[in-house]
Amino acid sequence: MIVMLLHKLPTFTLTDLKGEPFSTDDLLGKKTLIFMWASW
C-alpha cells in the first residue's frame, strides 16, 4: 500500500462515463481518493 498525502496531482483530462471531458483541475480544493488498478 502506498499512501501519498498533500502531493500535487498532475493535470490531465479523461472522458467520463457520459462521454464528457473530466480534468484533474476539477478536483482542486476537494478531498480525493484515486485508486488505480492494473492486471498484468
PDB file of N, CA and C in Angstrom:
ATOM      1  N   MET A   1       0.846  -1.168   0.000  1.00  0.00           N
ATOM      2  CA  MET A   1       0.000   0.000   0.000  1.00  0.00           C
ATOM      3  C   MET A   1       0.894   1.233   0.000  1.00  0.00           C
ATOM      4  N   ILE A   2       0.566   2.165  -0.856  1.00  0.00           N
ATOM      5  CA  ILE A   2       1.290   3.433  -0.913  1.00  0.00           C
ATOM      6  C   ILE A   2       0.299   4.538  -0.587  1.00  0.00           C
ATOM      7  N   VAL A   3       0.639   5.357   0.375  1.00  0.00           N
ATOM      8  CA  VAL A   3      -0.218   6.476   0.752  1.00  0.00           C
ATOM      9  C   VAL A   3       0.564   7.754   0.526  1.00  0.00           C
ATOM     10  N   MET A   4       0.004   8.647  -0.272  1.00  0.00           N
ATOM     11  CA  MET A   4       0.642   9.935  -0.521  1.00  0.00           C
ATOM     12  C   MET A   4      -0.364  11.019  -0.166  1.00  0.00           C
ATOM     13  N   LEU A   5      -0.024  11.817   0.803  1.00  0.00           N
ATOM     14  CA  LEU A   5      -0.897  12.904   1.222  1.00  0.00           C
ATOM     15  C   LEU A   5      -0.280  14.236   0.843  1.00  0.00           C
ATOM     16  N   LEU A   6      -1.122  15.156   0.465  1.00  0.00           N
ATOM     17  CA  LEU A   6      -0.715  16.533   0.176  1.00  0.00           C
ATOM     18  C   LEU A   6       0.264  16.639  -0.981  1.00  0.00           C
ATOM     19  N   HIS A   7       0.213  15.703  -1.927  1.00  0.00           N
ATOM     20  CA  HIS A   7       1.018  15.802  -3.135  1.00  0.00           C
ATOM     21  C   HIS A   7       0.155  16.411  -4.236  1.00  0.00           C
ATOM     22  N   LYS A   8       0.762  17.197  -5.109  1.00  0.00           N
ATOM     23  CA  LYS A   8       0.020  17.819  -6.202  1.00  0.00           C
ATOM     24  C   LYS A   8      -0.188  16.803  -7.321  1.00  0.00           C
ATOM     25  N   LEU A   9      -1.428  16.658  -7.736  1.00  0.00           N
ATOM     26  CA  LEU A   9      -1.785  15.760  -8.822  1.00  0.00           C
ATOM     27  C   LEU A   9      -1.477  16.438 -10.152  1.00  0.00           C
ATOM     28  N   PRO A  10      -0.799  15.753 -11.064  1.00  0.00           N
ATOM     29  CA  PRO A  10      -0.552  16.355 -12.380  1.00  0.00           C
ATOM     30  C   PRO A  10      -1.877  16.623 -13.103  1.00  0.00           C
ATOM     31  N   THR A  11      -1.887  17.633 -13.938  1.00  0.00           N
ATOM     32  CA  THR A  11      -3.091  17.968 -14.690  1.00  0.00           C
ATOM     33  C   THR A  11      -3.215  17.051 -15.900  1.00  0.00           C
ATOM     34  N   PHE A  12      -4.356  16.384 -16.017  1.00  0.00           N
ATOM     35  CA  PHE A  12      -4.667  15.611 -17.215  1.00  0.00           C
ATOM     36  C   PHE A  12      -6.182  15.542 -17.364  1.00  0.00           C
ATOM     37  N   THR A  13      -6.627  15.227 -18.569  1.00  0.00           N
ATOM     38  CA  THR A  13      -8.055  15.179 -18.872  1.00  0.00           C
ATOM     39  C   THR A  13      -8.415  13.797 -19.399  1.00  0.00           C
ATOM     40  N   LEU A  14      -9.522  13.261 -18.903  1.00  0.00           N
ATOM     41  CA  LEU A  14     -10.052  11.973 -19.342  1.00  0.00           C
ATOM     42  C   LEU A  14     -11.510  12.157 -19.739  1.00  0.00           C
ATOM     43  N   THR A  15     -12.099  11.132 -20.306  1.00  0.00           N
ATOM     44  CA  THR A  15     -13.515  11.159 -20.649  1.00  0.00           C
ATOM     45  C   THR A  15     -14.279  10.357 -19.606  1.00  0.00           C
ATOM     46  N   ASP A  16     -15.363  10.952 -19.061  1.00  0.00           N
ATOM     47  CA  ASP A  16     -16.153  10.234 -18.058  1.00  0.00           C
ATOM     48  C   ASP A  16     -17.112   9.252 -18.734  1.00  0.00           C
ATOM     49  N   LEU A  17     -17.912   8.565 -17.947  1.00  0.00           N
ATOM     50  CA  LEU A  17     -18.815   7.543 -18.480  1.00  0.00           C
ATOM     51  C   LEU A  17     -19.912   8.112 -19.373  1.00  0.00           C
ATOM     52  N   LYS A  18     -20.162   9.416 -19.270  1.00  0.00           N
ATOM     53  CA  LYS A  18     -21.169  10.076 -20.113  1.00  0.00           C
ATOM     54  C   LYS A  18     -20.558  10.628 -21.397  1.00  0.00           C
ATOM     55  N   GLY A  19     -19.240  10.468 -21.563  1.00  0.00           N
ATOM     56  CA  GLY A  19     -18.563  10.992 -22.742  1.00  0.00           C
ATOM     57  C   GLY A  19     -18.110  12.429 -22.599  1.00  0.00           C
ATOM     58  N   GLU A  20     -18.246  12.989 -21.399  1.00  0.00           N
ATOM     59  CA  GLU A  20     -17.857  14.374 -21.137  1.00  0.00           C
ATOM     60  C   GLU A  20     -16.407  14.423 -20.665  1.00  0.00           C
ATOM     61  N   PRO A  21     -15.673  15.482 -21.025  1.00  0.00           N
ATOM     62  CA  PRO A  21     -14.299  15.601 -20.533  1.00  0.00           C
ATOM     63  C   PRO A  21     -14.269  15.871 -19.031  1.00  0.00           C
ATOM     64  N   PHE A  22     -13.298  15.289 -18.371  1.00  0.00           N
ATOM     65  CA  PHE A  22     -13.105  15.460 -16.936  1.00  0.00           C
ATOM     66  C   PHE A  22     -11.636  15.767 -16.706  1.00  0.00           C
ATOM     67  N   SER A  23     -11.350  16.863 -16.028  1.00  0.00           N
ATOM     68  CA  SER A  23      -9.979  17.282 -15.771  1.00  0.00           C
ATOM     69  C   SER A  23      -9.650  17.156 -14.289  1.00  0.00           C
ATOM     70  N   THR A  24      -8.411  16.829 -14.001  1.00  0.00           N
ATOM     71  CA  THR A  24      -7.989  16.764 -12.606  1.00  0.00           C
ATOM     72  C   THR A  24      -8.033  18.150 -11.961  1.00  0.00           C
ATOM     73  N   ASP A  25      -8.045  19.190 -12.755  1.00  0.00           N
ATOM     74  CA  ASP A  25      -8.177  20.543 -12.199  1.00  0.00           C
ATOM     75  C   ASP A  25      -9.526  20.723 -11.506  1.00  0.00           C
ATOM     76  N   ASP A  26     -10.531  19.914 -11.888  1.00  0.00           N
ATOM     77  CA  ASP A  26     -11.851  19.983 -11.252  1.00  0.00           C
ATOM     78  C   ASP A  26     -11.799  19.514  -9.805  1.00  0.00           C
ATOM     79  N   LEU A  27     -10.724  18.866  -9.405  1.00  0.00           N
ATOM     80  CA  LEU A  27     -10.602  18.315  -8.054  1.00  0.00           C
ATOM     81  C   LEU A  27      -9.893  19.251  -7.079  1.00  0.00           C
ATOM     82  N   LEU A  28      -9.398  20.373  -7.568  1.00  0.00           N
ATOM     83  CA  LEU A  28      -8.664  21.291  -6.701  1.00  0.00           C
ATOM     84  C   LEU A  28      -9.521  21.723  -5.523  1.00  0.00           C
ATOM     85  N   GLY A  29      -8.976  21.623  -4.326  1.00  0.00           N
ATOM     86  CA  GLY A  29      -9.681  22.029  -3.118  1.00  0.00           C
ATOM     87  C   GLY A  29     -10.625  20.974  -2.565  1.00  0.00           C
ATOM     88  N   LYS A  30     -10.671  19.797  -3.197  1.00  0.00           N
ATOM     89  CA  LYS A  30     -11.558  18.726  -2.733  1.00  0.00           C
ATOM     90  C   LYS A  30     -10.726  17.550  -2.237  1.00  0.00           C
ATOM     91  N   LYS A  31     -11.218  16.868  -1.225  1.00  0.00           N
ATOM     92  CA  LYS A  31     -10.567  15.643  -0.770  1.00  0.00           C
ATOM     93  C   LYS A  31     -10.857  14.565  -1.805  1.00  0.00           C
ATOM     94  N   THR A  32      -9.805  13.892  -2.249  1.00  0.00           N
ATOM     95  CA  THR A  32      -9.958  12.952  -3.347  1.00  0.00           C
ATOM     96  C   THR A  32      -9.170  11.681  -3.085  1.00  0.00           C
ATOM     97  N   LEU A  33      -9.772  10.560  -3.384  1.00  0.00           N
ATOM     98  CA  LEU A  33      -9.096   9.270  -3.333  1.00  0.00           C
ATOM     99  C   LEU A  33      -9.031   8.754  -4.758  1.00  0.00           C
ATOM    100  N   ILE A  34      -7.832   8.472  -5.225  1.00  0.00           N
ATOM    101  CA  ILE A  34      -7.661   7.931  -6.568  1.00  0.00           C
ATOM    102  C   ILE A  34      -7.130   6.517  -6.426  1.00  0.00           C
ATOM    103  N   PHE A  35      -7.859   5.577  -6.981  1.00  0.00           N
ATOM    104  CA  PHE A  35      -7.496   4.170  -6.914  1.00  0.00           C
ATOM    105  C   PHE A  35      -7.192   3.709  -8.329  1.00  0.00           C
ATOM    106  N   MET A  36      -5.969   3.271  -8.554  1.00  0.00           N
ATOM    107  CA  MET A  36      -5.580   2.767  -9.873  1.00  0.00           C
ATOM    108  C   MET A  36      -5.251   1.292  -9.741  1.00  0.00           C
ATOM    109  N   TRP A  37      -5.738   0.510 -10.678  1.00  0.00           N
ATOM    110  CA  TRP A  37      -5.558  -0.921 -10.625  1.00  0.00           C
ATOM    111  C   TRP A  37      -5.181  -1.414 -12.017  1.00  0.00           C
ATOM    112  N   ALA A  38      -4.310  -2.371 -12.071  1.00  0.00           N
ATOM    113  CA  ALA A  38      -3.932  -2.970 -13.352  1.00  0.00           C
ATOM    114  C   ALA A  38      -3.738  -4.462 -13.160  1.00  0.00           C
ATOM    115  N   SER A  39      -4.098  -5.202 -14.165  1.00  0.00           N
ATOM    116  CA  SER A  39      -3.879  -6.644 -14.157  1.00  0.00           C
ATOM    117  C   SER A  39      -2.805  -6.950 -15.189  1.00  0.00           C
ATOM    118  N   TRP A  40      -1.731  -7.509 -14.746  1.00  0.00           N
ATOM    119  CA  TRP A  40      -0.631  -7.828 -15.654  1.00  0.00           C
ATOM    120  C   TRP A  40      -0.789  -9.235 -16.088  1.00  0.00           C
TER     121      TRP A  40
END
